[in-house]
Amino acid sequence: MNKQTRGFTLIELIVVILILGILAAVAAPKFANLTGTARAAALDGLRAAVTSAATLANALQVAQGLNSGSSVTIEGATVQMVNAYPKDTAGGIDNAVRFDPTTFSTNSVTPMTFLVTNAGDPANCKFTYTAATSTTSPPVITLIANRSLC
């Protein structure tokens, strides 16, 4: 009786383990920073939502024929206005835009700063909203984000 055992040799197993180790070493850093990239993308989305909310509030005020300092109501929330755009204090732009308070937070002072709550470095993963200085110029939304620190 001849028994033939089939299987992998020790060399073959070592080569496979070595290849898997090299692939893991190359691929792991790419996946390690996905949360930071996701936070930066979420911040970009919120920045776009703030821009849209400011434009919507302006359009509502113009459509209703209100003066440039009159408040408007967006989805049941009163939005305080200045120069035909939402104010950059509590009750202004923060009432105009809807955001998840567990993901984002604001400082509620002038200019209003929106930041990612769980960012690696919240000071570098934020943007500011400064109210319009006149009825002919829109608000200024400045991005202060270092994507590698989000």
C-alpha atoms as a PDB file:
ATOM      1  CA  MET A   1       0.000   0.000   0.000  1.00  0.00           C
ATOM      2  CA  ASN A   2       1.325   3.319  -1.086  1.00  0.00           C
ATOM      3  CA  LYS A   3      -0.039   6.310   0.705  1.00  0.00           C
ATOM      4  CA  GLN A   4       0.398   9.604  -1.015  1.00  0.00           C
ATOM      5  CA  THR A   5      -0.231  12.646   1.084  1.00  0.00           C
ATOM      6  CA  ARG A   6      -1.241  15.747  -0.739  1.00  0.00           C
ATOM      7  CA  GLY A   7      -0.924  19.227   0.656  1.00  0.00           C
ATOM      8  CA  PHE A   8       1.203  22.299   0.682  1.00  0.00           C
ATOM      9  CA  THR A   9       4.871  22.252   1.436  1.00  0.00           C
ATOM     10  CA  LEU A  10       6.301  24.397   4.179  1.00  0.00           C
ATOM     11  CA  ILE A  11       7.948  26.694   1.620  1.00  0.00           C
ATOM     12  CA  GLU A  12       4.641  27.297  -0.161  1.00  0.00           C
ATOM     13  CA  LEU A  13       2.917  28.206   3.101  1.00  0.00           C
ATOM     14  CA  ILE A  14       5.700  30.601   4.071  1.00  0.00           C
ATOM     15  CA  VAL A  15       5.533  32.319   0.661  1.00  0.00           C
ATOM     16  CA  VAL A  16       1.757  32.776   0.944  1.00  0.00           C
ATOM     17  CA  ILE A  17       2.058  34.188   4.477  1.00  0.00           C
ATOM     18  CA  LEU A  18       4.816  36.533   3.325  1.00  0.00           C
ATOM     19  CA  ILE A  19       2.710  37.817   0.412  1.00  0.00           C
ATOM     20  CA  LEU A  20      -0.292  38.367   2.704  1.00  0.00           C
ATOM     21  CA  GLY A  21       1.930  40.254   5.158  1.00  0.00           C
ATOM     22  CA  ILE A  22       3.223  42.553   2.426  1.00  0.00           C
ATOM     23  CA  LEU A  23      -0.309  43.232   1.157  1.00  0.00           C
ATOM     24  CA  ALA A  24      -1.492  43.996   4.689  1.00  0.00           C
ATOM     25  CA  ALA A  25       1.408  46.394   5.275  1.00  0.00           C
ATOM     26  CA  VAL A  26       0.612  48.286   2.069  1.00  0.00           C
ATOM     27  CA  ALA A  27      -3.189  48.308   2.383  1.00  0.00           C
ATOM     28  CA  ALA A  28      -3.586  48.976   6.134  1.00  0.00           C
ATOM     29  CA  PRO A  29      -2.475  52.651   6.077  1.00  0.00           C
ATOM     30  CA  LYS A  30      -4.949  53.403   3.292  1.00  0.00           C
ATOM     31  CA  PHE A  31      -7.848  52.085   5.382  1.00  0.00           C
ATOM     32  CA  ALA A  32      -6.624  53.589   8.653  1.00  0.00           C
ATOM     33  CA  ASN A  33      -7.410  57.170   7.586  1.00  0.00           C
ATOM     34  CA  LEU A  34     -10.898  56.531   6.222  1.00  0.00           C
ATOM     35  CA  THR A  35     -12.568  58.017   9.307  1.00  0.00           C
ATOM     36  CA  GLY A  36     -10.663  61.281   8.875  1.00  0.00           C
ATOM     37  CA  THR A  37     -11.626  61.420   5.225  1.00  0.00           C
ATOM     38  CA  ALA A  38     -15.251  60.710   6.137  1.00  0.00           C
ATOM     39  CA  ARG A  39     -15.251  63.514   8.720  1.00  0.00           C
ATOM     40  CA  ALA A  40     -13.780  65.942   6.173  1.00  0.00           C
ATOM     41  CA  ALA A  41     -16.437  64.930   3.639  1.00  0.00           C
ATOM     42  CA  ALA A  42     -19.178  65.379   6.241  1.00  0.00           C
ATOM     43  CA  LEU A  43     -17.806  68.852   6.997  1.00  0.00           C
ATOM     44  CA  ASP A  44     -17.908  69.684   3.279  1.00  0.00           C
ATOM     45  CA  GLY A  45     -21.530  68.533   3.194  1.00  0.00           C
ATOM     46  CA  LEU A  46     -22.463  70.685   6.171  1.00  0.00           C
ATOM     47  CA  ARG A  47     -20.713  73.674   4.606  1.00  0.00           C
ATOM     48  CA  ALA A  48     -22.805  73.208   1.457  1.00  0.00           C
ATOM     49  CA  ALA A  49     -25.962  72.883   3.583  1.00  0.00           C
ATOM     50  CA  VAL A  50     -25.141  76.144   5.392  1.00  0.00           C
ATOM     51  CA  THR A  51     -24.615  77.907   2.066  1.00  0.00           C
ATOM     52  CA  SER A  52     -27.954  76.583   0.775  1.00  0.00           C
ATOM     53  CA  ALA A  53     -29.775  77.507   3.994  1.00  0.00           C
ATOM     54  CA  ALA A  54     -28.443  81.082   3.831  1.00  0.00           C
ATOM     55  CA  THR A  55     -29.545  81.380   0.212  1.00  0.00           C
ATOM     56  CA  LEU A  56     -32.967  79.903   1.020  1.00  0.00           C
ATOM     57  CA  ALA A  57     -33.475  82.316   3.927  1.00  0.00           C
ATOM     58  CA  ASN A  58     -32.544  85.216   1.679  1.00  0.00           C
ATOM     59  CA  ALA A  59     -34.953  84.024  -1.020  1.00  0.00           C
ATOM     60  CA  LEU A  60     -37.782  83.635   1.525  1.00  0.00           C
ATOM     61  CA  GLN A  61     -37.242  87.147   2.826  1.00  0.00           C
ATOM     62  CA  VAL A  62     -37.243  88.635  -0.672  1.00  0.00           C
ATOM     63  CA  ALA A  63     -40.278  86.582  -1.771  1.00  0.00           C
ATOM     64  CA  GLN A  64     -42.267  87.692   1.284  1.00  0.00           C
ATOM     65  CA  GLY A  65     -41.341  91.338   0.708  1.00  0.00           C
ATOM     66  CA  LEU A  66     -39.789  91.760   4.166  1.00  0.00           C
ATOM     67  CA  ASN A  67     -37.136  94.312   5.047  1.00  0.00           C
ATOM     68  CA  SER A  68     -33.511  93.136   5.314  1.00  0.00           C
ATOM     69  CA  GLY A  69     -33.586  92.750   9.118  1.00  0.00           C
ATOM     70  CA  SER A  70     -36.897  90.899   9.461  1.00  0.00           C
ATOM     71  CA  SER A  71     -36.863  87.307  10.678  1.00  0.00           C
ATOM     72  CA  VAL A  72     -38.104  84.466   8.507  1.00  0.00           C
ATOM     73  CA  THR A  73     -39.494  81.084   9.424  1.00  0.00           C
ATOM     74  CA  ILE A  74     -37.943  77.936   7.942  1.00  0.00           C
ATOM     75  CA  GLU A  75     -39.649  74.640   8.780  1.00  0.00           C
ATOM     76  CA  GLY A  76     -41.123  76.125  11.957  1.00  0.00           C
ATOM     77  CA  ALA A  77     -37.851  77.650  13.191  1.00  0.00           C
ATOM     78  CA  THR A  78     -37.463  81.432  13.385  1.00  0.00           C
ATOM     79  CA  VAL A  79     -34.274  82.596  11.702  1.00  0.00           C
ATOM     80  CA  GLN A  80     -32.918  85.990  12.749  1.00  0.00           C
ATOM     81  CA  MET A  81     -31.670  87.994   9.779  1.00  0.00           C
ATOM     82  CA  VAL A  82     -29.286  90.865   9.144  1.00  0.00           C
ATOM     83  CA  ASN A  83     -28.668  92.462   5.738  1.00  0.00           C
ATOM     84  CA  ALA A  84     -31.081  89.960   4.147  1.00  0.00           C
ATOM     85  CA  TYR A  85     -29.110  86.876   5.315  1.00  0.00           C
ATOM     86  CA  PRO A  86     -29.127  84.823   8.536  1.00  0.00           C
ATOM     87  CA  LYS A  87     -27.175  86.240  11.470  1.00  0.00           C
ATOM     88  CA  ASP A  88     -23.935  84.595  12.530  1.00  0.00           C
ATOM     89  CA  THR A  89     -25.081  84.220  16.148  1.00  0.00           C
ATOM     90  CA  ALA A  90     -27.367  81.773  17.945  1.00  0.00           C
ATOM     91  CA  GLY A  91     -30.851  81.879  16.415  1.00  0.00           C
ATOM     92  CA  GLY A  92     -29.508  82.796  12.994  1.00  0.00           C
ATOM     93  CA  ILE A  93     -27.816  80.388  10.618  1.00  0.00           C
ATOM     94  CA  ASP A  94     -27.919  77.567  13.169  1.00  0.00           C
ATOM     95  CA  ASN A  95     -31.739  77.710  13.051  1.00  0.00           C
ATOM     96  CA  ALA A  96     -31.765  77.834   9.251  1.00  0.00           C
ATOM     97  CA  VAL A  97     -29.745  74.663   8.737  1.00  0.00           C
ATOM     98  CA  ARG A  98     -30.474  71.213  10.123  1.00  0.00           C
ATOM     99  CA  PHE A  99     -27.472  69.211  11.329  1.00  0.00           C
ATOM    100  CA  ASP A 100     -26.810  66.272  13.625  1.00  0.00           C
ATOM    101  CA  PRO A 101     -25.718  67.706  16.998  1.00  0.00           C
ATOM    102  CA  THR A 102     -23.861  64.503  17.860  1.00  0.00           C
ATOM    103  CA  THR A 103     -21.637  64.921  14.778  1.00  0.00           C
ATOM    104  CA  PHE A 104     -21.326  68.706  14.552  1.00  0.00           C
ATOM    105  CA  SER A 105     -21.325  71.546  17.046  1.00  0.00           C
ATOM    106  CA  THR A 106     -21.238  75.343  16.937  1.00  0.00           C
ATOM    107  CA  ASN A 107     -19.648  77.971  19.131  1.00  0.00           C
ATOM    108  CA  SER A 108     -22.733  80.271  19.033  1.00  0.00           C
ATOM    109  CA  VAL A 109     -20.646  83.463  18.915  1.00  0.00           C
ATOM    110  CA  THR A 110     -19.737  85.842  16.085  1.00  0.00           C
ATOM    111  CA  PRO A 111     -18.605  84.567  13.630  1.00  0.00           C
ATOM    112  CA  MET A 112     -20.339  81.245  14.070  1.00  0.00           C
ATOM    113  CA  THR A 113     -18.011  78.276  13.798  1.00  0.00           C
ATOM    114  CA  PHE A 114     -19.230  74.822  12.806  1.00  0.00           C
ATOM    115  CA  LEU A 115     -16.907  71.967  13.738  1.00  0.00           C
ATOM    116  CA  VAL A 116     -16.797  68.189  13.701  1.00  0.00           C
ATOM    117  CA  THR A 117     -17.304  67.078  17.295  1.00  0.00           C
ATOM    118  CA  ASN A 118     -15.215  63.893  17.225  1.00  0.00           C
ATOM    119  CA  ALA A 119     -12.441  65.141  14.954  1.00  0.00           C
ATOM    120  CA  GLY A 120      -8.865  64.196  15.713  1.00  0.00           C
ATOM    121  CA  ASP A 121      -8.116  67.928  16.043  1.00  0.00           C
ATOM    122  CA  PRO A 122     -11.386  69.927  16.151  1.00  0.00           C
ATOM    123  CA  ALA A 123      -9.497  73.225  15.855  1.00  0.00           C
ATOM    124  CA  ASN A 124      -8.404  72.213  12.348  1.00  0.00           C
ATOM    125  CA  CYS A 125     -11.635  70.601  11.171  1.00  0.00           C
ATOM    126  CA  LYS A 126     -14.131  73.447  11.045  1.00  0.00           C
ATOM    127  CA  PHE A 127     -15.515  76.336   9.031  1.00  0.00           C
ATOM    128  CA  THR A 128     -16.822  79.764   9.969  1.00  0.00           C
ATOM    129  CA  TYR A 129     -19.948  81.615   8.865  1.00  0.00           C
ATOM    130  CA  THR A 130     -19.728  85.404   8.928  1.00  0.00           C
ATOM    131  CA  ALA A 131     -22.975  87.285   8.330  1.00  0.00           C
ATOM    132  CA  ALA A 132     -23.389  89.541   5.314  1.00  0.00           C
ATOM    133  CA  THR A 133     -22.017  93.036   5.831  1.00  0.00           C
ATOM    134  CA  SER A 134     -24.463  94.592   3.381  1.00  0.00           C
ATOM    135  CA  THR A 135     -27.528  93.606   1.389  1.00  0.00           C
ATOM    136  CA  THR A 136     -25.425  93.430  -1.780  1.00  0.00           C
ATOM    137  CA  SER A 137     -22.837  90.941  -0.536  1.00  0.00           C
ATOM    138  CA  PRO A 138     -23.526  87.387   0.638  1.00  0.00           C
ATOM    139  CA  PRO A 139     -22.202  85.922   3.896  1.00  0.00           C
ATOM    140  CA  VAL A 140     -18.625  84.686   4.003  1.00  0.00           C
ATOM    141  CA  ILE A 141     -18.130  80.985   4.686  1.00  0.00           C
ATOM    142  CA  THR A 142     -14.480  80.189   5.325  1.00  0.00           C
ATOM    143  CA  LEU A 143     -13.217  76.614   5.415  1.00  0.00           C
ATOM    144  CA  ILE A 144     -10.507  75.931   7.980  1.00  0.00           C
ATOM    145  CA  ALA A 145      -9.885  72.256   7.485  1.00  0.00           C
ATOM    146  CA  ASN A 146      -6.732  70.222   7.495  1.00  0.00           C
ATOM    147  CA  ARG A 147      -8.075  66.972   6.100  1.00  0.00           C
ATOM    148  CA  SER A 148      -5.294  64.925   7.668  1.00  0.00           C
ATOM    149  CA  LEU A 149      -6.367  66.110  11.137  1.00  0.00           C
ATOM    150  CA  CYS A 150     -10.112  65.574  10.747  1.00  0.00           C
END
